[in-house]
Amino acid sequence: MHDEDWSDDDDDSTPVISCPNCRADVYEEADVCPACGEFLLDASRPLEKKPFWYVVLGLLGVLAVVVLFSGLLDWL
């Protein structure tokens, strides 16, 4: 191969983004930052950035189903 065959253009390189936590360069397709372990996609963080009432309502719903199926309402 000749030196002319190699170029400094990286047109085929994978795009990178900055990690919102540590600002390290991370491949755009990555779900987790390899430097700090922070999740990069909002879909990967189910409870983060949800309103507090949303989380409480979900927990109350789960508790209601558990109480209903455990038979705790029979003694009332």
N, C-alpha and C. Protein backbone atom coordinates (compact mmCIF):
# COMPACT_ATOMS: atom_id res chain seq x y z
N MET A 1 0.83 -1.18 0.00
CA MET A 1 0.00 0.00 0.00
C MET A 1 0.87 1.24 0.00
N HIS A 2 0.36 2.25 -0.57
CA HIS A 2 1.08 3.52 -0.63
C HIS A 2 0.56 4.45 0.45
N ASP A 3 1.38 5.39 0.81
CA ASP A 3 0.96 6.38 1.81
C ASP A 3 -0.20 7.22 1.30
N GLU A 4 -0.33 7.34 -0.02
CA GLU A 4 -1.41 8.14 -0.58
C GLU A 4 -2.77 7.47 -0.36
N ASP A 5 -2.77 6.16 -0.14
CA ASP A 5 -4.02 5.44 0.06
C ASP A 5 -4.66 5.76 1.41
N TRP A 6 -3.86 6.19 2.36
CA TRP A 6 -4.36 6.53 3.67
C TRP A 6 -4.70 8.01 3.71
N SER A 7 -5.83 8.32 4.22
CA SER A 7 -6.19 9.73 4.36
C SER A 7 -6.57 10.02 5.80
N ASP A 8 -6.54 11.28 6.14
CA ASP A 8 -6.92 11.70 7.49
C ASP A 8 -8.42 11.87 7.63
N ASP A 9 -9.16 11.75 6.54
CA ASP A 9 -10.61 11.90 6.60
C ASP A 9 -11.22 10.66 7.22
N ASP A 10 -12.03 10.86 8.24
CA ASP A 10 -12.71 9.75 8.91
C ASP A 10 -14.20 9.79 8.57
N ASP A 11 -14.52 9.70 7.29
CA ASP A 11 -15.91 9.75 6.88
C ASP A 11 -16.68 8.52 7.34
N ASP A 12 -15.99 7.40 7.53
CA ASP A 12 -16.66 6.17 7.92
C ASP A 12 -16.69 5.98 9.44
N SER A 13 -16.23 6.95 10.20
CA SER A 13 -16.19 6.78 11.64
C SER A 13 -17.58 6.91 12.25
N THR A 14 -17.76 6.27 13.38
CA THR A 14 -19.03 6.32 14.09
C THR A 14 -19.13 7.65 14.82
N PRO A 15 -20.28 8.33 14.73
CA PRO A 15 -20.42 9.62 15.42
C PRO A 15 -20.37 9.44 16.94
N VAL A 16 -19.82 10.42 17.59
CA VAL A 16 -19.74 10.39 19.06
C VAL A 16 -20.54 11.55 19.64
N ILE A 17 -21.00 11.35 20.88
CA ILE A 17 -21.68 12.40 21.63
C ILE A 17 -20.97 12.55 22.96
N SER A 18 -21.28 13.60 23.68
CA SER A 18 -20.71 13.79 25.01
C SER A 18 -21.63 13.21 26.06
N CYS A 19 -21.06 12.55 27.02
CA CYS A 19 -21.84 12.02 28.15
C CYS A 19 -22.36 13.20 28.96
N PRO A 20 -23.65 13.22 29.30
CA PRO A 20 -24.18 14.33 30.09
C PRO A 20 -23.64 14.38 31.51
N ASN A 21 -23.06 13.28 31.98
CA ASN A 21 -22.55 13.23 33.35
C ASN A 21 -21.08 13.62 33.43
N CYS A 22 -20.23 13.00 32.60
CA CYS A 22 -18.78 13.23 32.73
C CYS A 22 -18.16 13.90 31.51
N ARG A 23 -18.95 14.13 30.48
CA ARG A 23 -18.52 14.81 29.25
C ARG A 23 -17.50 14.02 28.43
N ALA A 24 -17.39 12.72 28.67
CA ALA A 24 -16.50 11.88 27.87
C ALA A 24 -17.13 11.63 26.50
N ASP A 25 -16.31 11.40 25.50
CA ASP A 25 -16.82 11.06 24.17
C ASP A 25 -17.31 9.62 24.19
N VAL A 26 -18.55 9.43 23.73
CA VAL A 26 -19.18 8.11 23.73
C VAL A 26 -19.79 7.89 22.36
N TYR A 27 -19.71 6.66 21.86
CA TYR A 27 -20.35 6.35 20.59
C TYR A 27 -21.84 6.63 20.68
N GLU A 28 -22.40 7.16 19.62
CA GLU A 28 -23.80 7.58 19.59
C GLU A 28 -24.76 6.42 19.86
N GLU A 29 -24.40 5.20 19.47
CA GLU A 29 -25.28 4.04 19.64
C GLU A 29 -25.21 3.46 21.05
N ALA A 30 -24.29 3.93 21.89
CA ALA A 30 -24.11 3.36 23.23
C ALA A 30 -25.28 3.72 24.14
N ASP A 31 -25.64 2.78 25.01
CA ASP A 31 -26.68 3.01 26.00
C ASP A 31 -26.10 3.52 27.32
N VAL A 32 -24.84 3.12 27.59
CA VAL A 32 -24.19 3.45 28.85
C VAL A 32 -22.82 4.03 28.56
N CYS A 33 -22.45 5.06 29.29
CA CYS A 33 -21.12 5.66 29.14
C CYS A 33 -20.08 4.69 29.68
N PRO A 34 -19.06 4.33 28.89
CA PRO A 34 -18.04 3.41 29.39
C PRO A 34 -17.14 4.05 30.45
N ALA A 35 -17.09 5.36 30.50
CA ALA A 35 -16.22 6.03 31.46
C ALA A 35 -16.83 6.10 32.86
N CYS A 36 -18.13 6.46 32.95
CA CYS A 36 -18.73 6.65 34.27
C CYS A 36 -19.91 5.72 34.55
N GLY A 37 -20.41 5.02 33.54
CA GLY A 37 -21.51 4.08 33.74
C GLY A 37 -22.89 4.72 33.72
N GLU A 38 -22.98 5.99 33.41
CA GLU A 38 -24.25 6.71 33.36
C GLU A 38 -25.05 6.27 32.14
N PHE A 39 -26.37 6.06 32.32
CA PHE A 39 -27.23 5.75 31.19
C PHE A 39 -27.38 6.98 30.32
N LEU A 40 -27.33 6.81 29.01
CA LEU A 40 -27.35 7.93 28.08
C LEU A 40 -28.73 8.19 27.50
N LEU A 41 -29.59 7.19 27.46
CA LEU A 41 -30.91 7.35 26.87
C LEU A 41 -31.95 7.54 27.96
N ASP A 42 -32.93 8.41 27.71
CA ASP A 42 -34.00 8.62 28.69
C ASP A 42 -34.80 7.34 28.89
N ALA A 43 -34.95 6.54 27.86
CA ALA A 43 -35.71 5.30 27.98
C ALA A 43 -35.02 4.32 28.91
N SER A 44 -33.72 4.48 29.12
CA SER A 44 -32.97 3.59 30.00
C SER A 44 -33.11 3.96 31.46
N ARG A 45 -33.66 5.12 31.73
CA ARG A 45 -33.84 5.61 33.10
C ARG A 45 -35.33 5.74 33.39
N PRO A 46 -36.00 4.67 33.79
CA PRO A 46 -37.46 4.71 33.88
C PRO A 46 -38.04 5.67 34.91
N LEU A 47 -37.40 5.89 36.04
CA LEU A 47 -37.98 6.75 37.06
C LEU A 47 -37.43 8.16 37.07
N GLU A 48 -36.36 8.39 36.37
CA GLU A 48 -35.77 9.72 36.37
C GLU A 48 -36.57 10.66 35.50
N LYS A 49 -36.71 11.87 35.92
CA LYS A 49 -37.42 12.94 35.21
C LYS A 49 -38.92 12.68 35.12
N LYS A 50 -39.45 11.85 35.99
CA LYS A 50 -40.89 11.66 36.08
C LYS A 50 -41.39 12.51 37.24
N PRO A 51 -42.60 13.06 37.12
CA PRO A 51 -43.15 13.81 38.26
C PRO A 51 -43.31 12.90 39.48
N PHE A 52 -43.18 13.47 40.64
CA PHE A 52 -43.27 12.70 41.88
C PHE A 52 -44.62 12.01 41.99
N TRP A 53 -45.70 12.71 41.61
CA TRP A 53 -47.03 12.12 41.71
C TRP A 53 -47.16 10.90 40.80
N TYR A 54 -46.46 10.88 39.71
CA TYR A 54 -46.49 9.75 38.76
C TYR A 54 -45.91 8.49 39.41
N VAL A 55 -44.83 8.66 40.12
CA VAL A 55 -44.18 7.54 40.80
C VAL A 55 -45.06 7.05 41.95
N VAL A 56 -45.61 7.98 42.74
CA VAL A 56 -46.48 7.61 43.87
C VAL A 56 -47.73 6.89 43.37
N LEU A 57 -48.34 7.39 42.32
CA LEU A 57 -49.53 6.77 41.76
C LEU A 57 -49.23 5.35 41.27
N GLY A 58 -48.11 5.15 40.65
CA GLY A 58 -47.71 3.82 40.21
C GLY A 58 -47.50 2.86 41.37
N LEU A 59 -46.84 3.33 42.42
CA LEU A 59 -46.62 2.48 43.60
C LEU A 59 -47.93 2.15 44.30
N LEU A 60 -48.87 3.11 44.37
CA LEU A 60 -50.18 2.83 44.96
C LEU A 60 -50.95 1.81 44.13
N GLY A 61 -50.82 1.87 42.82
CA GLY A 61 -51.48 0.89 41.96
C GLY A 61 -50.94 -0.51 42.18
N VAL A 62 -49.62 -0.63 42.31
CA VAL A 62 -49.02 -1.93 42.57
C VAL A 62 -49.46 -2.45 43.93
N LEU A 63 -49.49 -1.58 44.93
CA LEU A 63 -49.93 -1.97 46.27
C LEU A 63 -51.39 -2.43 46.25
N ALA A 64 -52.25 -1.76 45.52
CA ALA A 64 -53.66 -2.14 45.42
C ALA A 64 -53.80 -3.53 44.80
N VAL A 65 -53.04 -3.83 43.79
CA VAL A 65 -53.11 -5.15 43.15
C VAL A 65 -52.63 -6.23 44.11
N VAL A 66 -51.56 -5.95 44.84
CA VAL A 66 -51.03 -6.93 45.80
C VAL A 66 -52.06 -7.20 46.88
N VAL A 67 -52.69 -6.15 47.42
CA VAL A 67 -53.70 -6.31 48.46
C VAL A 67 -54.90 -7.08 47.92
N LEU A 68 -55.32 -6.79 46.73
CA LEU A 68 -56.47 -7.45 46.12
C LEU A 68 -56.23 -8.94 45.94
N PHE A 69 -55.08 -9.30 45.43
CA PHE A 69 -54.79 -10.71 45.16
C PHE A 69 -54.30 -11.48 46.38
N SER A 70 -53.90 -10.81 47.42
CA SER A 70 -53.43 -11.53 48.61
C SER A 70 -54.57 -11.91 49.54
N GLY A 71 -55.75 -11.39 49.30
CA GLY A 71 -56.90 -11.72 50.13
C GLY A 71 -56.98 -10.91 51.39
N LEU A 72 -56.25 -9.84 51.49
CA LEU A 72 -56.30 -8.99 52.69
C LEU A 72 -57.63 -8.25 52.83
N LEU A 73 -58.37 -8.11 51.75
CA LEU A 73 -59.66 -7.42 51.81
C LEU A 73 -60.76 -8.31 52.37
N ASP A 74 -60.53 -9.62 52.44
CA ASP A 74 -61.54 -10.55 52.94
C ASP A 74 -61.84 -10.33 54.43
N TRP A 75 -60.90 -9.92 55.20
CA TRP A 75 -61.11 -9.75 56.63
C TRP A 75 -61.81 -8.43 56.95
N LEU A 76 -61.95 -7.55 55.97
CA LEU A 76 -62.65 -6.28 56.24
C LEU A 76 -64.09 -6.52 56.28
